[in-house]
Each structure stands twice: as structure tokens, then as C-alpha cells.
């Protein structure tokens, strides 16, 4: 019995396809790193109470945080398929 060995071209994706996949992976990793950096900065700002002091809080601060929360809600709703993005 003779066993046929598959040629490289039959088992590996085409070179162009592989290059596109590698570029997509690189772009994905770069976008994830950008998001991770933004999240770390937001966490640090939150840990510092958004650079406010309890004696200085006014309704402008409340409005700003509500605005931030709304923007973040749009992201989390999209990421977790909730809110208007729910199935």
C-alpha cells in the first residue's frame, strides 16, 4: 500500500492568505494594547476620584461622570450584547 504525502501547498494556506492573517493578528494585538492602555489610565483616574476632592464636588463633576458612564455603557453594551445590542 502506497501512502501519498500531501504537498505543502495542500496543507498550508496560500502565502497571501497567511500574510493577511498575520497582518490581521498584528492589528488585533495593537488594538487590544490600545484598549488595555486606556483602561489602565481610566482605572488610575477613578482610583484618584477623577482628580477631585470631596469638599470640591459640584454638579458639573456629576454630569461629567454621568457622561463618561454613558460612553462606557455604549462600549459594554456592544461588547456584551446588552442594551440596544441585545439579541
N, C-alpha and C. Protein backbone atom coordinates (compact mmCIF):
# COMPACT_ATOMS: atom_id res chain seq x y z
N UNK A 1 0.84 -1.17 0.00
CA UNK A 1 0.00 0.00 0.00
C UNK A 1 0.89 1.23 0.00
N UNK A 2 0.57 2.16 -0.87
CA UNK A 2 1.35 3.38 -1.00
C UNK A 2 0.60 4.52 -0.34
N UNK A 3 1.30 5.26 0.52
CA UNK A 3 0.70 6.42 1.18
C UNK A 3 1.16 7.67 0.46
N UNK A 4 0.21 8.48 0.08
CA UNK A 4 0.52 9.73 -0.61
C UNK A 4 0.74 10.81 0.43
N UNK A 5 1.80 11.53 0.31
CA UNK A 5 2.09 12.63 1.22
C UNK A 5 1.57 13.92 0.60
N UNK A 6 0.83 14.68 1.37
CA UNK A 6 0.27 15.93 0.87
C UNK A 6 1.38 16.94 0.64
N UNK A 7 1.26 17.65 -0.45
CA UNK A 7 2.23 18.71 -0.73
C UNK A 7 1.97 19.88 0.20
N UNK A 8 3.01 20.67 0.44
CA UNK A 8 2.87 21.84 1.32
C UNK A 8 1.74 22.74 0.87
N UNK A 9 1.56 22.87 -0.44
CA UNK A 9 0.51 23.76 -0.94
C UNK A 9 -0.88 23.24 -0.61
N UNK A 10 -1.00 21.95 -0.32
CA UNK A 10 -2.30 21.39 0.02
C UNK A 10 -2.63 21.52 1.50
N UNK A 11 -1.62 21.64 2.35
CA UNK A 11 -1.86 21.66 3.78
C UNK A 11 -1.74 23.05 4.39
N UNK A 12 -1.00 23.93 3.76
CA UNK A 12 -0.79 25.27 4.31
C UNK A 12 -1.64 26.26 3.54
N UNK A 13 -2.09 27.31 4.22
CA UNK A 13 -2.85 28.34 3.50
C UNK A 13 -1.94 29.03 2.49
N UNK A 14 -2.54 29.61 1.50
CA UNK A 14 -1.76 30.33 0.49
C UNK A 14 -0.96 31.43 1.16
N UNK A 15 0.20 31.73 0.60
CA UNK A 15 1.09 32.73 1.19
C UNK A 15 0.37 34.06 1.40
N UNK A 16 -0.39 34.49 0.41
CA UNK A 16 -1.12 35.75 0.55
C UNK A 16 -2.11 35.71 1.69
N UNK A 17 -2.79 34.58 1.83
CA UNK A 17 -3.75 34.41 2.91
C UNK A 17 -3.05 34.44 4.27
N UNK A 18 -1.91 33.77 4.35
CA UNK A 18 -1.15 33.75 5.60
C UNK A 18 -0.66 35.15 5.96
N UNK A 19 -0.21 35.90 4.96
CA UNK A 19 0.25 37.27 5.21
C UNK A 19 -0.90 38.14 5.69
N UNK A 20 -2.09 37.97 5.10
CA UNK A 20 -3.26 38.73 5.55
C UNK A 20 -3.62 38.37 6.98
N UNK A 21 -3.55 37.07 7.30
CA UNK A 21 -3.84 36.63 8.67
C UNK A 21 -2.85 37.22 9.66
N UNK A 22 -1.57 37.23 9.29
CA UNK A 22 -0.56 37.80 10.17
C UNK A 22 -0.78 39.30 10.37
N UNK A 23 -1.14 39.99 9.31
CA UNK A 23 -1.41 41.43 9.42
C UNK A 23 -2.63 41.68 10.29
N UNK A 24 -3.66 40.85 10.13
CA UNK A 24 -4.87 40.98 10.94
C UNK A 24 -4.53 40.72 12.41
N UNK A 25 -3.73 39.71 12.68
CA UNK A 25 -3.33 39.41 14.06
C UNK A 25 -2.54 40.57 14.65
N UNK A 26 -1.62 41.12 13.88
CA UNK A 26 -0.84 42.27 14.36
C UNK A 26 -1.74 43.45 14.67
N UNK A 27 -2.71 43.71 13.80
CA UNK A 27 -3.64 44.83 14.01
C UNK A 27 -4.52 44.58 15.23
N UNK A 28 -4.96 43.33 15.41
CA UNK A 28 -5.77 42.97 16.57
C UNK A 28 -4.99 43.20 17.86
N UNK A 29 -3.75 42.73 17.90
CA UNK A 29 -2.91 42.88 19.09
C UNK A 29 -2.66 44.36 19.38
N UNK A 30 -2.44 45.15 18.35
CA UNK A 30 -2.23 46.59 18.55
C UNK A 30 -3.48 47.27 19.10
N UNK A 31 -4.66 46.90 18.57
CA UNK A 31 -5.91 47.49 19.06
C UNK A 31 -6.17 47.08 20.51
N UNK A 32 -5.89 45.82 20.83
CA UNK A 32 -6.08 45.35 22.21
C UNK A 32 -5.14 46.08 23.15
N UNK A 33 -3.90 46.29 22.74
CA UNK A 33 -2.93 47.02 23.58
C UNK A 33 -3.41 48.45 23.81
N UNK A 34 -3.98 49.07 22.77
CA UNK A 34 -4.51 50.43 22.91
C UNK A 34 -5.65 50.47 23.92
N UNK A 35 -6.55 49.48 23.84
CA UNK A 35 -7.67 49.41 24.79
C UNK A 35 -7.15 49.18 26.20
N UNK A 36 -6.20 48.25 26.36
CA UNK A 36 -5.64 47.97 27.68
C UNK A 36 -5.02 49.22 28.29
N UNK A 37 -4.33 50.02 27.49
CA UNK A 37 -3.72 51.26 27.98
C UNK A 37 -4.79 52.25 28.43
N UNK A 38 -5.84 52.38 27.63
CA UNK A 38 -6.93 53.29 28.00
C UNK A 38 -7.61 52.84 29.29
N UNK A 39 -7.83 51.53 29.42
CA UNK A 39 -8.47 51.02 30.64
C UNK A 39 -7.60 51.26 31.87
N UNK A 40 -6.31 51.06 31.74
CA UNK A 40 -5.39 51.31 32.86
C UNK A 40 -5.42 52.77 33.27
N UNK A 41 -5.44 53.67 32.29
CA UNK A 41 -5.49 55.10 32.59
C UNK A 41 -6.80 55.47 33.28
N UNK A 42 -7.92 54.92 32.78
CA UNK A 42 -9.22 55.19 33.40
C UNK A 42 -9.27 54.66 34.82
N UNK A 43 -8.72 53.47 35.04
CA UNK A 43 -8.70 52.88 36.39
C UNK A 43 -7.90 53.76 37.34
N UNK A 44 -6.75 54.24 36.89
CA UNK A 44 -5.93 55.11 37.74
C UNK A 44 -6.66 56.41 38.04
N UNK A 45 -7.34 56.98 37.04
CA UNK A 45 -8.09 58.21 37.26
C UNK A 45 -9.24 57.97 38.23
N UNK A 46 -9.93 56.85 38.09
CA UNK A 46 -11.01 56.50 39.01
C UNK A 46 -10.49 56.31 40.43
N UNK A 47 -9.36 55.60 40.55
CA UNK A 47 -8.76 55.38 41.87
C UNK A 47 -8.41 56.70 42.54
N UNK A 48 -8.14 57.73 41.75
CA UNK A 48 -7.82 59.07 42.26
C UNK A 48 -9.08 59.94 42.32
N UNK A 49 -10.25 59.31 42.29
CA UNK A 49 -11.53 60.01 42.37
C UNK A 49 -11.67 61.08 41.30
N UNK A 50 -11.15 60.75 40.11
CA UNK A 50 -11.22 61.66 38.96
C UNK A 50 -10.65 63.03 39.30
N UNK A 51 -9.56 62.98 40.07
CA UNK A 51 -8.80 64.18 40.46
C UNK A 51 -9.68 65.24 41.13
N UNK A 52 -10.59 64.78 41.97
CA UNK A 52 -11.44 65.72 42.72
C UNK A 52 -11.26 65.47 44.21
N UNK A 53 -11.64 66.43 44.98
CA UNK A 53 -11.61 66.33 46.43
C UNK A 53 -13.06 66.38 46.90
N UNK A 54 -13.43 65.56 47.89
CA UNK A 54 -14.83 65.53 48.33
C UNK A 54 -15.42 66.91 48.65
N UNK A 55 -14.62 67.81 49.17
CA UNK A 55 -15.13 69.14 49.52
C UNK A 55 -15.34 70.03 48.30
N UNK A 56 -14.86 69.59 47.15
CA UNK A 56 -14.95 70.42 45.93
C UNK A 56 -15.96 69.89 44.92
N UNK A 57 -16.64 68.79 45.24
CA UNK A 57 -17.57 68.17 44.28
C UNK A 57 -18.75 69.10 44.04
N UNK A 58 -19.09 69.28 42.75
CA UNK A 58 -20.29 70.04 42.38
C UNK A 58 -21.00 69.30 41.26
N UNK A 59 -22.15 69.81 40.84
CA UNK A 59 -22.97 69.13 39.85
C UNK A 59 -22.27 68.99 38.50
N UNK A 60 -21.33 69.83 38.22
CA UNK A 60 -20.55 69.69 36.99
C UNK A 60 -19.76 68.39 36.98
N UNK A 61 -19.20 68.04 38.15
CA UNK A 61 -18.47 66.77 38.28
C UNK A 61 -19.43 65.58 38.06
N UNK A 62 -20.62 65.70 38.63
CA UNK A 62 -21.62 64.64 38.49
C UNK A 62 -21.96 64.45 37.01
N UNK A 63 -22.22 65.55 36.33
CA UNK A 63 -22.55 65.48 34.90
C UNK A 63 -21.43 64.87 34.08
N UNK A 64 -20.20 65.23 34.40
CA UNK A 64 -19.06 64.68 33.67
C UNK A 64 -18.97 63.17 33.87
N UNK A 65 -19.12 62.71 35.12
CA UNK A 65 -19.06 61.27 35.38
C UNK A 65 -20.23 60.54 34.73
N UNK A 66 -21.41 61.15 34.72
CA UNK A 66 -22.55 60.52 34.05
C UNK A 66 -22.31 60.41 32.55
N UNK A 67 -21.66 61.42 31.98
CA UNK A 67 -21.31 61.38 30.57
C UNK A 67 -20.32 60.24 30.29
N UNK A 68 -19.28 60.15 31.12
CA UNK A 68 -18.31 59.06 30.98
C UNK A 68 -19.00 57.70 31.10
N UNK A 69 -19.89 57.58 32.09
CA UNK A 69 -20.60 56.31 32.30
C UNK A 69 -21.45 55.95 31.08
N UNK A 70 -22.08 56.93 30.49
CA UNK A 70 -22.88 56.68 29.29
C UNK A 70 -22.04 56.19 28.13
N UNK A 71 -20.87 56.81 27.94
CA UNK A 71 -19.98 56.37 26.87
C UNK A 71 -19.47 54.95 27.12
N UNK A 72 -19.11 54.67 28.36
CA UNK A 72 -18.64 53.33 28.70
C UNK A 72 -19.76 52.30 28.57
N UNK A 73 -21.00 52.70 28.89
CA UNK A 73 -22.14 51.81 28.75
C UNK A 73 -22.34 51.42 27.28
N UNK A 74 -22.13 52.36 26.37
CA UNK A 74 -22.24 52.04 24.95
C UNK A 74 -21.23 50.95 24.57
N UNK A 75 -20.03 51.06 25.11
CA UNK A 75 -18.98 50.07 24.82
C UNK A 75 -19.34 48.72 25.44
N UNK A 76 -19.72 48.72 26.71
CA UNK A 76 -20.01 47.44 27.37
C UNK A 76 -21.26 46.80 26.78
N UNK A 77 -22.26 47.60 26.43
CA UNK A 77 -23.46 47.03 25.80
C UNK A 77 -23.08 46.35 24.49
N UNK A 78 -22.23 46.97 23.71
CA UNK A 78 -21.79 46.38 22.45
C UNK A 78 -20.96 45.13 22.69
N UNK A 79 -20.01 45.20 23.61
CA UNK A 79 -19.10 44.08 23.87
C UNK A 79 -19.84 42.87 24.44
N UNK A 80 -20.83 43.12 25.30
CA UNK A 80 -21.53 42.02 25.98
C UNK A 80 -22.92 41.75 25.40
N UNK A 81 -23.22 42.42 24.27
CA UNK A 81 -24.51 42.26 23.59
C UNK A 81 -25.68 42.50 24.55
N UNK A 82 -25.62 43.64 25.19
CA UNK A 82 -26.66 44.07 26.13
C UNK A 82 -27.29 45.37 25.61
N UNK A 83 -28.29 45.84 26.32
CA UNK A 83 -28.93 47.09 25.94
C UNK A 83 -29.45 47.02 24.51
N UNK A 84 -29.19 48.04 23.73
CA UNK A 84 -29.68 48.06 22.35
C UNK A 84 -29.01 47.02 21.46
N UNK A 85 -27.92 46.42 21.95
CA UNK A 85 -27.20 45.40 21.19
C UNK A 85 -27.63 43.99 21.56
N UNK A 86 -28.59 43.87 22.46
CA UNK A 86 -29.06 42.54 22.89
C UNK A 86 -29.75 41.84 21.73
N UNK A 87 -29.60 40.56 21.71
CA UNK A 87 -30.18 39.76 20.61
C UNK A 87 -31.67 39.60 20.76
